[in-house]
Amino acid sequence: MTFLPPTAGCSGDRDAITSYGALTSPESHTAQGEGRLLLLPVGAVEQHGDGLPLATDVIRAEHVAQRVAQNFVGRALVMPAIPYGVSPHHASLPGTVTLPPALFIQIIETIAVCLSESGWTRILVINGHGGNNGALSVVQQSLLATHPDLIFAWSPLTSLAPNANSRMGRSEISGHSGESETAQMLGIDPGLVDQKSLRAGVTALDQLTGRARLSRATGPNIAVTFDKYAPNGVLGDPTTVTAAEGQEILDEIVECLTDYAAALLAL
């Protein structure tokens, strides 16, 4: 994951640092006393089809967190990212490293408690991996019981850009490693994508049977491993998108989270 040096983007002005890890200990104490918002990117290390990197989810989360923080210089800091997540549904495909849900919960909750008991009051987890959603909700409820004064929020990414996503052509079935994720990665850095190797996965409901088809139903929820959708674990057709479409998606996500971060800082 990217680690910003102390002077990255700020011409040596240490007051402009937006990376928590680049602060000195005295600087962190001052920042805590100022009530700054902490942005914690989390993601996963897992298969992302034939052309996207294994760290796609945390790369996107960290990119968005850094862009949001740049809108709040002196008021927000990006924590070192948590690269691993809850990914048993991808474990049947090469490259996946998954944490048990209970361990992921323990890691995030322990970090939040440590920060809260050090005096930090606002944490926004920026989550690039849908498999972490349930665990983050558990952390949120647990902290509400044990540390009710801590403002702990979490956010997904792709769903925050309904307008940009709707303008982009997508398959009937689209999602993991599909059109939107691929466009976002192209928008961040085309060099991160092996474009010549991109391949479509499942694109239509009538291509699915049994449990995989039932998992796409609206309402009740059932889990399935992603090799049951397609041999490459892809939902949608990533070959159809552009970096420009990805930039539009990312811009809408950043705008939404910038507004939300401003509201958190106003509390």
Protein backbone atom coordinates (compact mmCIF):
# COMPACT_ATOMS: atom_id res chain seq x y z
CA MET A 1 0.00 0.00 0.00
CA THR A 2 1.06 3.57 -0.53
CA PHE A 3 2.78 5.36 2.34
CA LEU A 4 2.99 9.11 1.89
CA PRO A 5 6.29 10.71 2.97
CA PRO A 6 5.97 13.58 5.47
CA THR A 7 6.20 16.28 2.82
CA ALA A 8 4.12 14.60 0.10
CA GLY A 9 2.05 17.21 -1.68
CA CYS A 10 2.80 19.92 0.87
CA SER A 11 6.21 21.36 -0.17
CA GLY A 12 7.73 20.65 3.24
CA ASP A 13 4.92 22.29 5.20
CA ARG A 14 4.32 19.85 8.03
CA ASP A 15 1.03 21.52 8.88
CA ALA A 16 -0.22 20.18 5.54
CA ILE A 17 0.50 16.51 6.31
CA THR A 18 -2.55 14.30 5.74
CA SER A 19 -0.91 10.92 6.51
CA TYR A 20 -1.25 9.79 10.14
CA GLY A 21 1.80 7.58 9.77
CA ALA A 22 3.93 10.52 8.65
CA LEU A 23 3.30 12.46 11.87
CA THR A 24 5.75 12.51 14.75
CA SER A 25 4.48 11.51 18.18
CA PRO A 26 4.19 15.14 19.38
CA GLU A 27 2.42 16.07 16.14
CA SER A 28 -0.09 13.26 16.64
CA HIS A 29 -0.82 14.51 20.16
CA THR A 30 -1.48 18.00 18.82
CA ALA A 31 -3.69 16.65 16.02
CA GLN A 32 -5.69 14.57 18.50
CA GLY A 33 -6.30 17.65 20.63
CA GLU A 34 -7.59 19.48 17.56
CA GLY A 35 -10.33 16.90 17.06
CA ARG A 36 -9.22 15.80 13.62
CA LEU A 37 -11.14 13.15 11.70
CA LEU A 38 -9.32 9.86 11.13
CA LEU A 39 -9.92 8.10 7.81
CA LEU A 40 -9.16 4.37 7.94
CA PRO A 41 -9.02 2.62 4.54
CA VAL A 42 -9.80 -1.10 4.60
CA GLY A 43 -10.02 -3.58 1.78
CA ALA A 44 -9.03 -7.12 0.89
CA VAL A 45 -6.33 -9.16 -0.79
CA GLU A 46 -8.23 -11.47 -3.10
CA GLN A 47 -8.76 -12.61 -6.66
CA HIS A 48 -9.99 -9.88 -8.97
CA GLY A 49 -10.38 -11.78 -12.18
CA ASP A 50 -7.82 -11.92 -14.96
CA GLY A 51 -6.62 -8.34 -15.14
CA LEU A 52 -7.06 -6.50 -11.83
CA PRO A 53 -4.53 -6.64 -8.97
CA LEU A 54 -5.21 -8.66 -5.82
CA ALA A 55 -5.13 -5.45 -3.74
CA THR A 56 -7.78 -3.69 -5.85
CA ASP A 57 -10.13 -3.04 -2.91
CA VAL A 58 -7.59 -1.46 -0.59
CA ILE A 59 -5.98 0.51 -3.44
CA ARG A 60 -9.35 2.09 -4.19
CA ALA A 61 -10.09 2.74 -0.51
CA GLU A 62 -6.72 4.36 0.08
CA HIS A 63 -6.97 6.48 -3.06
CA VAL A 64 -10.37 7.81 -2.05
CA ALA A 65 -9.28 8.41 1.56
CA GLN A 66 -6.26 10.42 0.43
CA ARG A 67 -8.35 12.54 -1.92
CA VAL A 68 -10.93 13.25 0.80
CA ALA A 69 -8.19 14.17 3.28
CA GLN A 70 -6.77 16.68 0.80
CA ASN A 71 -10.05 18.55 1.11
CA PHE A 72 -9.52 18.82 4.88
CA VAL A 73 -5.86 19.69 5.33
CA GLY A 74 -5.29 20.29 9.03
CA ARG A 75 -8.62 18.65 9.89
CA ALA A 76 -8.35 15.03 8.68
CA LEU A 77 -5.69 12.31 8.56
CA VAL A 78 -5.46 9.04 6.64
CA MET A 79 -4.53 6.08 8.81
CA PRO A 80 -2.27 3.31 7.47
CA ALA A 81 -4.56 1.01 5.52
CA ILE A 82 -5.76 -2.43 6.64
CA PRO A 83 -5.14 -4.50 3.49
CA TYR A 84 -6.72 -7.81 4.54
CA GLY A 85 -10.43 -8.46 4.86
CA VAL A 86 -13.19 -11.06 5.05
CA SER A 87 -12.93 -13.01 1.78
CA PRO A 88 -13.87 -16.69 2.21
CA HIS A 89 -16.18 -16.37 -0.79
CA HIS A 90 -13.08 -15.79 -2.94
CA ALA A 91 -10.80 -18.36 -1.30
CA SER A 92 -11.40 -20.98 -4.00
CA LEU A 93 -9.57 -18.80 -6.53
CA PRO A 94 -5.79 -18.11 -6.59
CA GLY A 95 -4.24 -15.24 -4.66
CA THR A 96 -6.88 -14.75 -2.00
CA VAL A 97 -5.81 -14.15 1.60
CA THR A 98 -8.78 -14.05 3.97
CA LEU A 99 -9.25 -13.24 7.65
CA PRO A 100 -11.89 -14.99 9.77
CA PRO A 101 -14.74 -12.52 10.37
CA ALA A 102 -14.16 -12.59 14.14
CA LEU A 103 -10.49 -11.65 13.69
CA PHE A 104 -11.31 -8.79 11.31
CA ILE A 105 -13.85 -7.50 13.83
CA GLN A 106 -11.27 -7.76 16.61
CA ILE A 107 -8.65 -5.86 14.60
CA ILE A 108 -10.92 -2.96 13.65
CA GLU A 109 -12.52 -2.74 17.10
CA THR A 110 -9.13 -2.86 18.85
CA ILE A 111 -7.79 -0.03 16.68
CA ALA A 112 -10.92 2.04 17.32
CA VAL A 113 -10.82 1.46 21.09
CA CYS A 114 -7.12 2.29 21.25
CA LEU A 115 -7.68 5.53 19.35
CA SER A 116 -10.74 6.43 21.42
CA GLU A 117 -8.94 5.85 24.70
CA SER A 118 -6.08 8.04 23.43
CA GLY A 119 -8.53 10.89 22.92
CA TRP A 120 -9.50 10.64 19.26
CA THR A 121 -13.23 11.19 18.78
CA ARG A 122 -14.00 10.69 15.07
CA ILE A 123 -13.22 7.70 12.84
CA LEU A 124 -14.52 7.09 9.33
CA VAL A 125 -13.69 3.67 7.87
CA ILE A 126 -13.54 3.80 4.07
CA ASN A 127 -14.26 0.26 2.94
CA GLY A 128 -13.39 -1.01 -0.52
CA HIS A 129 -14.60 -4.61 0.00
CA GLY A 130 -18.24 -5.62 0.29
CA GLY A 131 -17.33 -8.74 2.25
CA ASN A 132 -16.33 -6.50 5.17
CA ASN A 133 -19.72 -4.80 5.46
CA GLY A 134 -21.31 -7.18 7.94
CA ALA A 135 -18.25 -7.20 10.19
CA LEU A 136 -18.03 -3.41 10.19
CA SER A 137 -21.66 -3.19 11.24
CA VAL A 138 -20.90 -5.54 14.15
CA VAL A 139 -17.96 -3.33 15.17
CA GLN A 140 -20.19 -0.28 15.02
CA GLN A 141 -22.79 -1.81 17.32
CA SER A 142 -20.18 -3.11 19.74
CA LEU A 143 -18.53 0.32 20.02
CA LEU A 144 -21.91 1.93 20.52
CA ALA A 145 -22.26 -0.23 23.63
CA THR A 146 -18.73 0.21 25.00
CA HIS A 147 -17.65 3.65 23.70
CA PRO A 148 -20.88 5.55 22.96
CA ASP A 149 -19.12 8.92 22.71
CA LEU A 150 -16.85 7.74 19.90
CA ILE A 151 -18.12 8.76 16.48
CA PHE A 152 -17.45 5.62 14.42
CA ALA A 153 -18.78 5.55 10.88
CA TRP A 154 -18.04 3.37 7.87
CA SER A 155 -18.76 3.76 4.20
CA PRO A 156 -18.70 1.65 1.04
CA LEU A 157 -17.32 3.05 -2.21
CA THR A 158 -19.00 2.08 -5.48
CA SER A 159 -22.58 2.54 -4.30
CA LEU A 160 -21.82 6.19 -3.49
CA ALA A 161 -21.67 6.95 -7.24
CA PRO A 162 -25.12 6.01 -8.58
CA ASN A 163 -25.10 8.70 -11.27
CA ALA A 164 -21.70 7.90 -12.76
CA ASN A 165 -22.38 4.17 -12.55
CA SER A 166 -25.73 4.54 -14.31
CA ARG A 167 -24.14 6.48 -17.18
CA MET A 168 -21.69 3.64 -17.77
CA GLY A 169 -22.97 0.63 -19.69
CA ARG A 170 -23.11 -2.42 -17.44
CA SER A 171 -24.17 -6.02 -17.81
CA GLU A 172 -27.37 -7.39 -16.27
CA ILE A 173 -25.08 -8.95 -13.65
CA SER A 174 -22.28 -6.63 -12.65
CA GLY A 175 -20.17 -6.29 -9.54
CA HIS A 176 -16.93 -7.85 -8.37
CA SER A 177 -14.10 -7.15 -10.84
CA GLY A 178 -16.69 -5.96 -13.33
CA GLU A 179 -17.32 -2.67 -15.07
CA SER A 180 -17.26 -0.25 -12.13
CA GLU A 181 -14.28 -1.66 -10.22
CA THR A 182 -12.24 -1.94 -13.40
CA ALA A 183 -13.09 1.61 -14.48
CA GLN A 184 -12.08 2.90 -11.04
CA MET A 185 -8.72 1.14 -11.20
CA LEU A 186 -8.10 2.52 -14.70
CA GLY A 187 -9.00 5.94 -13.35
CA ILE A 188 -6.49 5.60 -10.51
CA ASP A 189 -3.64 4.24 -12.62
CA PRO A 190 -3.99 2.31 -15.91
CA GLY A 191 -0.62 0.72 -15.17
CA LEU A 192 -2.21 -1.23 -12.32
CA VAL A 193 -4.51 -3.06 -14.77
CA ASP A 194 -3.38 -5.86 -17.08
CA GLN A 195 -5.76 -4.66 -19.78
CA LYS A 196 -4.83 -7.29 -22.34
CA SER A 197 -5.87 -10.02 -19.89
CA LEU A 198 -9.27 -8.62 -18.92
CA ARG A 199 -12.06 -11.12 -19.52
CA ALA A 200 -15.81 -11.05 -18.94
CA GLY A 201 -17.31 -13.31 -16.30
CA VAL A 202 -20.99 -13.97 -15.77
CA THR A 203 -23.04 -11.20 -17.37
CA ALA A 204 -26.66 -12.41 -17.35
CA LEU A 205 -28.97 -14.10 -14.86
CA ASP A 206 -29.86 -16.88 -17.28
CA GLN A 207 -26.21 -17.99 -17.17
CA LEU A 208 -26.63 -19.00 -13.52
CA THR A 209 -28.30 -22.00 -11.94
CA GLY A 210 -29.02 -23.31 -8.46
CA ARG A 211 -27.50 -21.58 -5.47
CA ALA A 212 -25.61 -19.02 -7.58
CA ARG A 213 -28.84 -17.88 -9.24
CA LEU A 214 -30.66 -17.76 -5.89
CA SER A 215 -27.90 -15.58 -4.45
CA ARG A 216 -28.82 -12.82 -6.91
CA ALA A 217 -32.44 -12.67 -5.73
CA THR A 218 -33.69 -9.48 -4.11
CA GLY A 219 -34.57 -9.74 -0.42
CA PRO A 220 -33.40 -12.93 1.32
CA ASN A 221 -29.66 -13.50 1.30
CA ILE A 222 -27.59 -16.60 0.62
CA ALA A 223 -23.81 -16.80 0.18
CA VAL A 224 -21.93 -18.54 -2.61
CA THR A 225 -18.27 -18.85 -3.56
CA PHE A 226 -17.42 -16.77 -6.61
CA ASP A 227 -16.16 -19.68 -8.70
CA LYS A 228 -19.82 -20.73 -8.82
CA TYR A 229 -20.60 -17.54 -10.75
CA ALA A 230 -17.80 -17.82 -13.29
CA PRO A 231 -14.49 -19.67 -13.55
CA ASN A 232 -12.62 -16.37 -13.24
CA GLY A 233 -14.81 -15.03 -10.42
CA VAL A 234 -15.87 -11.92 -12.38
CA LEU A 235 -19.33 -10.35 -12.31
CA GLY A 236 -19.79 -8.36 -15.49
CA ASP A 237 -17.64 -7.39 -18.48
CA PRO A 238 -14.57 -5.32 -17.54
CA THR A 239 -13.42 -5.02 -21.17
CA THR A 240 -15.96 -2.32 -22.01
CA VAL A 241 -14.92 0.53 -19.70
CA THR A 242 -12.52 3.47 -19.76
CA ALA A 243 -10.35 5.44 -17.36
CA ALA A 244 -12.53 8.51 -17.98
CA GLU A 245 -15.58 6.60 -16.72
CA GLY A 246 -13.59 5.54 -13.69
CA GLN A 247 -12.61 9.11 -12.94
CA GLU A 248 -16.28 10.13 -13.00
CA ILE A 249 -17.13 7.38 -10.53
CA LEU A 250 -14.25 8.29 -8.24
CA ASP A 251 -15.11 12.00 -8.37
CA GLU A 252 -18.68 11.29 -7.32
CA ILE A 253 -17.51 9.03 -4.47
CA VAL A 254 -15.05 11.66 -3.24
CA GLU A 255 -17.68 14.40 -3.42
CA CYS A 256 -20.13 12.32 -1.38
CA LEU A 257 -17.54 11.41 1.26
CA THR A 258 -16.27 14.98 1.43
CA ASP A 259 -19.77 16.15 2.30
CA TYR A 260 -20.12 13.37 4.87
CA ALA A 261 -16.72 14.10 6.43
CA ALA A 262 -17.69 17.76 6.77
CA ALA A 263 -20.84 16.69 8.62
CA LEU A 264 -18.81 14.44 10.95
CA LEU A 265 -16.41 17.27 11.72
CA ALA A 266 -19.34 19.53 12.55
CA LEU A 267 -20.61 17.16 15.25
